[in-house]
Amino acid sequence: MSFSDLCNWWMVAFLNFSRLWLILHTALSTYTLSYEYAWRRLMDDSSIESSVGLYNGSNHSTGLLIIVLSALLKLAWISCRPPCLYYTWWKDRNWTSGSTTKLIMQANRNYGTSHSAPRDSAGNLTVGVSGRPRTCPKCHMRCGDRVYHDDQSNRCRPLFDHFCKFIRISVYLRTIKLYLYMLIFLPLDLIVTLAFASFATSQSTGRSALMFCVPIICASPVLIEVVLENAIAQWYLLAWKNQLHGEGRSVTLVFKVRVRHQRTILHCKQYDNMNPWDLGYKENFKQALGETWLVRLCPWIPPARVRNYFKNPGRATDFIFREEVWNDQRSFINAPPPPPPPMFTGVAVERSEPVAGPSRQPQPQPQQSQQQQPMVIGFLTAHPKSQQEAQPPEQQQRRGLSRRKGARSSAAEPSSGAGDTDPRHRGKRSQ
């Protein structure tokens, strides 16, 4: 067996029995340091053995410091673990990711070039008014931004980073703050235990020295595993950079441009070597720990992003983006619309006034053909008198003169058949 295989075997065995290591460390360090060393040898004068000769007198302040400091550190990291276990195994068991469309959304990788992505007739990326362009590759469910699958619980979690085998909790949105504080309090407790145990061992002889070596043996591998391999990396990624292990160096985002025909038109952009949620170390610490100092110093008070995520589903985005992403969003909104699709070009739209088509550009009004001219109906034609009134005054005057001349001529010329037929005029004419 090589050295690397031995290290791997030791790591697997240590992680599998991590709960046993934590119990042994807590119990043995409390008994040997707080009780045997601090209480019985430093604070109780009657139980001091002259053969040991640690001190010529009892140092009550040193013993009290060891007891209080060890108790506070153990209470700090132990009190953070039960809420994490509750959130991991019982809380949010029926939680599902929201499907409401946001202004900016995370999409699957290579979503813009994928042939399976839904598109409209113009070739634009689309999604439903209530839909997301991202699905979980394991459970095949639609999920929101920064939602990843937890294999241990077999469900998706928001802001899921990993499952910590050492503490047996899932590190995600609800537990990130508690997990980060555990990575502070537990190493501090281990360092204090190693310091006081080493000092007590150096001042003891015989069986007393062996008794104080037990906490050192239990605390050393835990300290190496937690501090050197986990705490520094987790604080740097989760708190300093606001980055998760599963996101990688490339993130694809889609921007909501407009809504047309019950579909949301999207614009896709891929960000390489840039974390779109990195707001700078100050804002990242506020996102992970809290906005005020009171919230930051209390591990059990959740930060604002936890409250907003679960209690405010109607927000514009799931998480806050950096300024460069918002600049891209404004540029996409103000960009000119794409040209109309080929299937709509050359089609005359018969409307009284131009309207905005698919390209939001007014189309020219087509010329009316002869078939579209209105039909002339007889009983709807204008009266001759009204036509006369509509004529110019000169034409009306000429028409009046011609009518009067015609009336005079008709009065001067008697009708040819009237004198022959009327008996009253026969006698007069003959006379």
Protein backbone atom coordinates (compact mmCIF):
# COMPACT_ATOMS: atom_id res chain seq x y z
CA MET A 1 0.00 0.00 0.00
CA SER A 2 1.47 3.34 -1.08
CA PHE A 3 1.45 6.51 0.96
CA SER A 4 -1.32 8.10 -1.12
CA ASP A 5 -3.52 5.02 -0.69
CA LEU A 6 -2.91 5.13 3.04
CA CYS A 7 -3.88 8.79 3.16
CA ASN A 8 -7.05 8.13 1.18
CA TRP A 9 -7.98 5.24 3.47
CA TRP A 10 -7.39 7.40 6.51
CA MET A 11 -9.49 10.20 5.05
CA VAL A 12 -12.42 7.92 4.25
CA ALA A 13 -12.29 6.29 7.67
CA PHE A 14 -12.04 9.65 9.38
CA LEU A 15 -15.05 11.05 7.49
CA ASN A 16 -17.15 7.95 8.11
CA PHE A 17 -16.50 8.13 11.86
CA SER A 18 -16.52 11.93 12.10
CA ARG A 19 -19.38 11.97 14.60
CA LEU A 20 -17.43 9.65 16.88
CA TRP A 21 -14.39 11.91 16.65
CA LEU A 22 -16.45 14.98 17.57
CA ILE A 23 -18.02 13.21 20.55
CA LEU A 24 -14.64 12.00 21.80
CA HIS A 25 -13.10 15.44 21.42
CA THR A 26 -15.94 17.16 23.28
CA ALA A 27 -16.10 14.63 26.11
CA LEU A 28 -12.37 14.10 26.67
CA SER A 29 -11.38 17.75 26.41
CA THR A 30 -14.12 18.76 28.84
CA TYR A 31 -13.14 16.11 31.36
CA THR A 32 -9.36 16.42 31.21
CA LEU A 33 -8.97 20.18 30.82
CA SER A 34 -12.02 21.77 32.37
CA TYR A 35 -12.44 19.31 35.21
CA GLU A 36 -9.09 17.67 36.00
CA TYR A 37 -6.75 20.49 35.12
CA ALA A 38 -8.72 23.72 35.63
CA TRP A 39 -11.08 22.75 38.42
CA ARG A 40 -9.22 20.19 40.49
CA ARG A 41 -5.64 21.44 40.08
CA LEU A 42 -5.94 25.17 39.56
CA MET A 43 -9.04 26.11 41.52
CA ASP A 44 -9.41 23.47 44.28
CA ASP A 45 -6.68 23.94 46.92
CA SER A 46 -7.58 20.86 48.92
CA SER A 47 -7.04 18.44 46.03
CA ILE A 48 -3.59 19.61 44.97
CA GLU A 49 -1.06 16.82 45.11
CA SER A 50 2.32 17.84 46.35
CA SER A 51 4.05 15.25 44.17
CA VAL A 52 2.84 16.81 40.94
CA GLY A 53 3.90 20.32 41.81
CA LEU A 54 2.20 22.21 39.01
CA TYR A 55 2.01 25.46 40.92
CA ASN A 56 2.92 26.58 44.39
CA GLY A 57 -0.59 28.00 44.73
CA SER A 58 -3.96 27.79 43.01
CA ASN A 59 -4.55 30.16 40.11
CA HIS A 60 -8.27 30.73 40.14
CA SER A 61 -8.29 33.22 37.27
CA THR A 62 -6.44 30.86 34.92
CA GLY A 63 -8.70 27.96 35.78
CA LEU A 64 -11.80 30.09 35.35
CA LEU A 65 -10.54 31.32 31.97
CA ILE A 66 -10.00 27.76 30.75
CA ILE A 67 -13.46 26.65 31.86
CA VAL A 68 -15.35 29.66 30.47
CA LEU A 69 -13.46 29.89 27.17
CA SER A 70 -13.74 26.18 26.42
CA ALA A 71 -17.43 26.15 27.33
CA LEU A 72 -18.26 29.16 25.13
CA LEU A 73 -16.44 27.81 22.08
CA LYS A 74 -18.00 24.36 22.41
CA LEU A 75 -21.43 25.85 22.94
CA ALA A 76 -20.99 28.08 19.87
CA TRP A 77 -20.22 25.36 17.32
CA ILE A 78 -22.48 22.73 18.91
CA SER A 79 -25.47 25.12 18.87
CA CYS A 80 -24.98 25.72 15.14
CA ARG A 81 -25.26 22.04 14.27
CA PRO A 82 -28.87 21.21 15.30
CA PRO A 83 -30.40 23.92 13.05
CA CYS A 84 -28.27 22.66 10.16
CA LEU A 85 -29.45 19.11 10.74
CA TYR A 86 -33.06 20.29 10.89
CA TYR A 87 -32.75 22.26 7.64
CA THR A 88 -30.96 19.39 5.92
CA TRP A 89 -33.25 16.48 6.76
CA TRP A 90 -36.66 17.96 7.67
CA LYS A 91 -37.03 21.54 6.40
CA ASP A 92 -38.02 22.29 2.79
CA ARG A 93 -38.84 18.68 2.03
CA ASN A 94 -41.74 19.73 -0.23
CA TRP A 95 -40.05 22.85 -1.57
CA THR A 96 -40.06 23.32 -5.34
CA SER A 97 -38.26 25.92 -7.37
CA GLY A 98 -40.39 28.79 -8.64
CA SER A 99 -41.20 28.93 -12.35
CA THR A 100 -41.98 32.65 -12.60
CA THR A 101 -40.11 34.39 -15.40
CA LYS A 102 -37.58 36.97 -14.19
CA LEU A 103 -35.81 39.86 -15.89
CA ILE A 104 -32.49 37.96 -15.82
CA MET A 105 -32.36 34.19 -15.49
CA GLN A 106 -29.72 31.49 -15.45
CA ALA A 107 -29.97 28.99 -18.30
CA ASN A 108 -28.38 25.69 -19.15
CA ARG A 109 -24.91 25.76 -20.59
CA ASN A 110 -24.78 26.39 -24.35
CA TYR A 111 -28.47 27.30 -24.23
CA GLY A 112 -28.09 29.88 -26.99
CA THR A 113 -26.66 27.37 -29.48
CA SER A 114 -28.78 24.40 -28.47
CA HIS A 115 -31.16 23.06 -31.13
CA SER A 116 -33.61 21.89 -28.47
CA ALA A 117 -34.14 25.41 -27.11
CA PRO A 118 -37.61 26.74 -28.05
CA ARG A 119 -37.64 29.46 -30.70
CA ASP A 120 -40.27 31.48 -32.52
CA SER A 121 -40.70 31.84 -36.29
CA ALA A 122 -38.09 34.62 -36.37
CA GLY A 123 -35.48 32.45 -34.67
CA ASN A 124 -35.59 34.26 -31.31
CA LEU A 125 -35.20 32.31 -28.09
CA THR A 126 -38.52 32.11 -26.29
CA VAL A 127 -39.96 30.77 -23.09
CA GLY A 128 -43.44 30.77 -21.61
CA VAL A 129 -44.68 33.72 -19.62
CA SER A 130 -44.39 31.46 -16.57
CA GLY A 131 -41.34 29.33 -17.31
CA ARG A 132 -37.59 28.96 -16.87
CA PRO A 133 -34.90 28.18 -19.47
CA ARG A 134 -33.10 25.82 -17.09
CA THR A 135 -33.73 22.24 -15.99
CA CYS A 136 -32.03 19.97 -13.48
CA PRO A 137 -29.95 17.31 -15.30
CA LYS A 138 -30.79 14.69 -12.64
CA CYS A 139 -34.45 15.14 -11.75
CA HIS A 140 -35.35 16.91 -15.05
CA MET A 141 -37.41 19.55 -13.26
CA ARG A 142 -37.42 23.24 -14.10
CA CYS A 143 -35.36 25.14 -11.56
CA GLY A 144 -34.44 28.71 -10.80
CA ASP A 145 -31.11 30.47 -10.60
CA ARG A 146 -28.34 28.76 -8.64
CA VAL A 147 -30.54 25.77 -7.79
CA TYR A 148 -28.59 22.50 -7.84
CA HIS A 149 -29.35 18.88 -7.04
CA ASP A 150 -28.45 17.38 -3.67
CA ASP A 151 -27.68 13.69 -4.14
CA GLN A 152 -27.83 12.96 -0.43
CA SER A 153 -31.45 14.05 -0.04
CA ASN A 154 -32.34 13.54 -3.73
CA ARG A 155 -33.92 16.96 -4.22
CA CYS A 156 -32.93 20.36 -5.56
CA ARG A 157 -31.86 23.10 -3.18
CA PRO A 158 -31.28 26.83 -3.75
CA LEU A 159 -27.65 27.91 -3.57
CA PHE A 160 -26.56 24.32 -2.92
CA ASP A 161 -22.78 23.97 -2.62
CA HIS A 162 -22.00 20.47 -1.31
CA PHE A 163 -22.82 17.89 1.32
CA CYS A 164 -20.34 18.05 4.21
CA LYS A 165 -19.56 14.48 5.24
CA PHE A 166 -17.67 15.64 8.30
CA ILE A 167 -20.64 17.44 9.92
CA ARG A 168 -23.29 15.50 7.94
CA ILE A 169 -25.20 18.53 6.68
CA SER A 170 -26.12 20.01 3.29
CA VAL A 171 -24.53 23.38 2.67
CA TYR A 172 -27.15 25.50 0.87
CA LEU A 173 -28.99 28.79 1.23
CA ARG A 174 -30.35 28.23 4.74
CA THR A 175 -27.24 26.64 6.23
CA ILE A 176 -24.38 28.61 4.65
CA LYS A 177 -24.14 31.14 7.48
CA LEU A 178 -24.33 28.50 10.22
CA TYR A 179 -21.81 26.35 8.38
CA LEU A 180 -19.33 29.21 8.03
CA TYR A 181 -19.54 30.02 11.73
CA MET A 182 -19.03 26.37 12.60
CA LEU A 183 -15.83 26.50 10.56
CA ILE A 184 -14.70 29.33 12.86
CA PHE A 185 -15.79 28.14 16.29
CA LEU A 186 -14.73 24.52 15.86
CA PRO A 187 -11.10 25.30 14.86
CA LEU A 188 -10.87 27.87 17.67
CA ASP A 189 -12.04 25.25 20.14
CA LEU A 190 -9.48 22.80 18.78
CA ILE A 191 -6.68 25.37 18.99
CA VAL A 192 -7.56 26.28 22.59
CA THR A 193 -7.74 22.59 23.49
CA LEU A 194 -4.34 21.87 21.95
CA ALA A 195 -2.76 24.89 23.66
CA PHE A 196 -4.01 24.12 27.16
CA ALA A 197 -3.45 20.37 26.79
CA SER A 198 0.14 20.90 25.65
CA PHE A 199 0.80 23.26 28.56
CA ALA A 200 -0.75 20.83 31.04
CA THR A 201 1.28 17.95 29.61
CA SER A 202 4.52 19.90 29.93
CA GLN A 203 3.77 20.65 33.59
CA SER A 204 2.77 17.08 34.48
CA THR A 205 4.59 13.82 34.96
CA GLY A 206 3.63 10.18 34.92
CA ARG A 207 0.04 9.26 34.28
CA SER A 208 -1.08 12.86 34.41
CA ALA A 209 0.96 13.65 31.31
CA LEU A 210 -0.53 10.70 29.45
CA MET A 211 -4.01 11.80 30.43
CA PHE A 212 -3.52 15.23 28.89
CA CYS A 213 -2.09 13.72 25.69
CA VAL A 214 -5.47 12.17 24.83
CA PRO A 215 -7.14 15.49 23.86
CA ILE A 216 -4.14 16.29 21.67
CA ILE A 217 -4.50 13.00 19.80
CA CYS A 218 -8.23 13.56 19.28
CA ALA A 219 -8.00 17.24 18.31
CA SER A 220 -5.04 17.14 15.91
CA PRO A 221 -6.61 15.24 12.96
CA VAL A 222 -9.85 17.20 13.30
CA LEU A 223 -7.95 20.46 13.22
CA ILE A 224 -5.96 19.42 10.14
CA GLU A 225 -9.07 18.28 8.28
CA VAL A 226 -11.25 21.25 9.16
CA VAL A 227 -8.77 24.12 9.00
CA LEU A 228 -6.23 23.20 6.35
CA GLU A 229 -8.56 21.60 3.82
CA ASN A 230 -12.01 23.06 4.35
CA ALA A 231 -12.40 26.23 6.38
CA ILE A 232 -10.11 28.48 4.35
CA ALA A 233 -11.47 27.33 0.99
CA GLN A 234 -15.11 27.58 2.06
CA TRP A 235 -14.78 31.06 3.50
CA TYR A 236 -12.98 32.23 0.38
CA LEU A 237 -15.58 30.87 -2.05
CA LEU A 238 -18.86 31.25 -0.17
CA ALA A 239 -18.24 34.51 1.70
CA TRP A 240 -15.45 36.33 -0.17
CA LYS A 241 -16.32 35.46 -3.79
CA ASN A 242 -20.00 34.39 -3.50
CA GLN A 243 -19.30 31.38 -5.70
CA LEU A 244 -20.43 27.77 -5.55
CA HIS A 245 -18.44 24.69 -6.45
CA GLY A 246 -20.95 23.53 -9.06
CA GLU A 247 -21.04 26.74 -11.08
CA GLY A 248 -17.61 26.52 -12.65
CA ARG A 249 -16.05 29.27 -14.71
CA SER A 250 -18.79 29.63 -17.32
CA VAL A 251 -22.34 30.81 -16.63
CA THR A 252 -25.08 31.30 -19.23
CA LEU A 253 -27.68 34.01 -18.63
CA VAL A 254 -30.78 34.98 -20.59
CA PHE A 255 -32.37 38.42 -20.55
CA LYS A 256 -36.07 39.13 -20.86
CA VAL A 257 -36.43 41.50 -23.82
CA ARG A 258 -40.18 41.65 -24.47
CA VAL A 259 -43.38 39.60 -24.43
CA ARG A 260 -45.18 38.71 -27.66
CA HIS A 261 -48.03 36.30 -28.30
CA GLN A 262 -47.96 34.88 -24.75
CA ARG A 263 -44.24 34.12 -25.17
CA THR A 264 -41.22 35.83 -23.62
CA ILE A 265 -38.49 36.82 -26.08
CA LEU A 266 -35.03 36.18 -24.62
CA HIS A 267 -31.50 37.27 -25.38
CA CYS A 268 -28.75 34.84 -24.38
CA LYS A 269 -25.19 35.63 -23.31
CA GLN A 270 -22.49 33.39 -21.87
CA TYR A 271 -20.08 34.76 -19.26
CA ASP A 272 -16.69 33.07 -19.28
CA ASN A 273 -14.22 33.50 -16.42
CA MET A 274 -16.61 35.84 -14.60
CA ASN A 275 -18.98 35.23 -11.73
CA PRO A 276 -22.13 37.30 -12.43
CA TRP A 277 -23.09 37.18 -8.72
CA ASP A 278 -19.75 38.48 -7.41
CA LEU A 279 -20.61 41.89 -5.91
CA GLY A 280 -17.25 42.58 -4.29
CA TYR A 281 -16.03 41.28 -0.96
CA LYS A 282 -18.01 43.82 1.11
CA GLU A 283 -21.35 43.11 -0.52
CA ASN A 284 -20.59 39.40 -0.63
CA PHE A 285 -20.09 39.36 3.13
CA LYS A 286 -23.39 41.19 3.56
CA GLN A 287 -25.12 38.63 1.38
CA ALA A 288 -23.69 35.68 3.29
CA LEU A 289 -23.69 36.98 6.88
CA GLY A 290 -26.12 39.90 7.06
CA GLU A 291 -26.43 43.65 6.57
CA THR A 292 -25.98 44.91 10.15
CA TRP A 293 -23.39 44.01 12.74
CA LEU A 294 -26.03 42.54 15.03
CA VAL A 295 -27.13 40.10 12.34
CA ARG A 296 -23.56 39.26 11.39
CA LEU A 297 -22.44 38.45 14.92
CA CYS A 298 -25.44 36.22 15.60
CA PRO A 299 -25.19 32.97 13.61
CA TRP A 300 -28.82 32.01 14.21
CA ILE A 301 -30.35 35.11 12.51
CA PRO A 302 -30.67 34.45 8.75
CA PRO A 303 -29.47 37.16 6.35
CA ALA A 304 -31.81 39.17 4.16
CA ARG A 305 -31.32 37.07 1.03
CA VAL A 306 -32.74 34.01 2.83
CA ARG A 307 -35.86 35.91 3.89
CA ASN A 308 -36.35 37.50 0.47
CA TYR A 309 -35.91 34.25 -1.40
CA PHE A 310 -38.57 32.29 0.48
CA LYS A 311 -40.98 35.12 1.36
CA ASN A 312 -40.83 37.35 -1.73
CA PRO A 313 -41.34 35.23 -4.86
CA GLY A 314 -42.32 38.25 -6.98
CA ARG A 315 -38.88 39.86 -6.98
CA ALA A 316 -37.22 40.88 -10.26
CA THR A 317 -34.35 38.37 -9.93
CA ASP A 318 -33.64 35.42 -7.67
CA PHE A 319 -30.28 36.81 -6.55
CA ILE A 320 -28.52 40.14 -7.01
CA PHE A 321 -26.30 40.44 -10.09
CA ARG A 322 -23.20 42.56 -10.48
CA GLU A 323 -23.27 45.90 -12.32
CA GLU A 324 -21.88 44.53 -15.62
CA VAL A 325 -24.85 42.20 -15.98
CA TRP A 326 -27.34 45.02 -15.47
CA ASN A 327 -25.52 47.11 -18.07
CA ASP A 328 -25.92 44.27 -20.55
CA GLN A 329 -29.59 44.01 -19.67
CA ARG A 330 -30.15 47.72 -20.38
CA SER A 331 -28.27 47.49 -23.68
CA PHE A 332 -30.39 44.55 -24.82
CA ILE A 333 -33.62 46.36 -23.94
CA ASN A 334 -32.59 49.53 -25.83
CA ALA A 335 -31.22 47.64 -28.83
CA PRO A 336 -33.18 47.93 -32.13
CA PRO A 337 -35.62 45.09 -32.70
CA PRO A 338 -34.68 42.31 -35.11
CA PRO A 339 -35.95 42.39 -38.71
CA PRO A 340 -39.31 40.77 -39.46
CA PRO A 341 -39.30 37.05 -40.20
CA PRO A 342 -39.23 35.91 -43.84
CA MET A 343 -42.75 34.52 -43.70
CA PHE A 344 -44.18 38.02 -43.07
CA THR A 345 -42.23 39.97 -45.69
CA GLY A 346 -44.19 41.12 -48.76
CA VAL A 347 -47.63 40.61 -47.21
CA ALA A 348 -49.96 43.63 -47.52
CA VAL A 349 -51.82 44.43 -44.34
CA GLU A 350 -55.23 45.99 -45.18
CA ARG A 351 -55.78 48.42 -42.31
CA SER A 352 -56.97 52.01 -42.13
CA GLU A 353 -53.75 53.11 -40.46
CA PRO A 354 -50.32 51.50 -40.08
CA VAL A 355 -49.75 49.32 -37.03
CA ALA A 356 -46.65 47.89 -35.50
CA GLY A 357 -45.97 44.46 -36.90
CA PRO A 358 -43.67 41.75 -35.56
CA SER A 359 -40.70 44.06 -36.03
CA ARG A 360 -42.42 47.05 -34.36
CA GLN A 361 -42.00 49.09 -37.58
CA PRO A 362 -44.99 50.77 -39.29
CA GLN A 363 -45.84 49.07 -42.57
CA PRO A 364 -46.87 51.21 -45.63
CA GLN A 365 -50.61 51.33 -46.39
CA PRO A 366 -51.33 49.36 -49.59
CA GLN A 367 -53.08 50.96 -52.56
CA GLN A 368 -56.70 50.03 -52.96
CA SER A 369 -57.45 47.93 -56.00
CA GLN A 370 -60.45 48.33 -58.27
CA GLN A 371 -62.20 45.39 -56.69
CA GLN A 372 -62.11 47.06 -53.30
CA GLN A 373 -63.82 50.32 -54.46
CA PRO A 374 -67.27 50.87 -52.96
CA MET A 375 -70.30 49.86 -55.08
CA VAL A 376 -72.79 52.55 -56.22
CA ILE A 377 -76.34 51.77 -55.11
CA GLY A 378 -79.27 53.49 -56.84
CA PHE A 379 -81.43 54.44 -53.90
CA LEU A 380 -78.43 55.89 -52.11
CA THR A 381 -77.56 58.44 -54.89
CA ALA A 382 -77.90 62.13 -54.15
CA HIS A 383 -81.08 64.08 -55.06
CA PRO A 384 -80.81 66.37 -58.17
CA LYS A 385 -81.60 69.39 -56.05
CA SER A 386 -78.78 68.61 -53.71
CA GLN A 387 -76.53 68.10 -56.72
CA GLN A 388 -77.55 71.51 -58.00
CA GLU A 389 -76.77 73.14 -54.70
CA ALA A 390 -73.40 71.53 -54.76
CA GLN A 391 -72.58 73.12 -58.17
CA PRO A 392 -70.83 76.51 -58.52
CA PRO A 393 -73.01 79.67 -58.60
CA GLU A 394 -72.32 80.38 -62.31
CA GLN A 395 -73.65 76.99 -63.38
CA GLN A 396 -76.68 77.39 -61.11
CA GLN A 397 -77.48 80.85 -62.71
CA ARG A 398 -77.20 79.51 -66.28
CA ARG A 399 -79.41 76.59 -65.40
CA GLY A 400 -82.05 78.96 -63.95
CA LEU A 401 -82.13 81.11 -67.13
CA SER A 402 -82.54 78.10 -69.36
CA ARG A 403 -85.45 76.91 -67.26
CA ARG A 404 -87.26 80.29 -67.47
CA LYS A 405 -86.86 80.47 -71.29
CA GLY A 406 -88.26 77.01 -71.63
CA ALA A 407 -91.31 77.95 -69.57
CA ARG A 408 -92.08 81.05 -71.74
CA SER A 409 -91.84 79.12 -75.00
CA SER A 410 -94.16 76.45 -73.71
CA ALA A 411 -96.73 79.10 -72.67
CA ALA A 412 -96.70 80.86 -76.12
CA GLU A 413 -97.16 77.72 -78.21
CA PRO A 414 -100.57 76.05 -77.73
CA SER A 415 -100.82 72.37 -77.97
CA SER A 416 -101.97 71.04 -81.31
CA GLY A 417 -104.60 68.65 -80.05
CA ALA A 418 -106.15 70.76 -77.31
CA GLY A 419 -108.34 73.04 -79.57
CA ASP A 420 -109.87 70.17 -81.47
CA THR A 421 -110.92 68.20 -78.54
CA ASP A 422 -112.22 70.93 -76.18
CA PRO A 423 -115.83 71.88 -77.18
CA ARG A 424 -115.78 75.17 -75.29
CA HIS A 425 -113.35 76.78 -77.73
CA ARG A 426 -114.90 75.64 -80.99
CA GLY A 427 -117.48 78.39 -81.22
CA LYS A 428 -115.15 81.20 -80.37
CA ARG A 429 -112.58 80.20 -82.95
CA SER A 430 -115.12 80.01 -85.70
CA GLN A 431 -116.44 83.46 -84.94
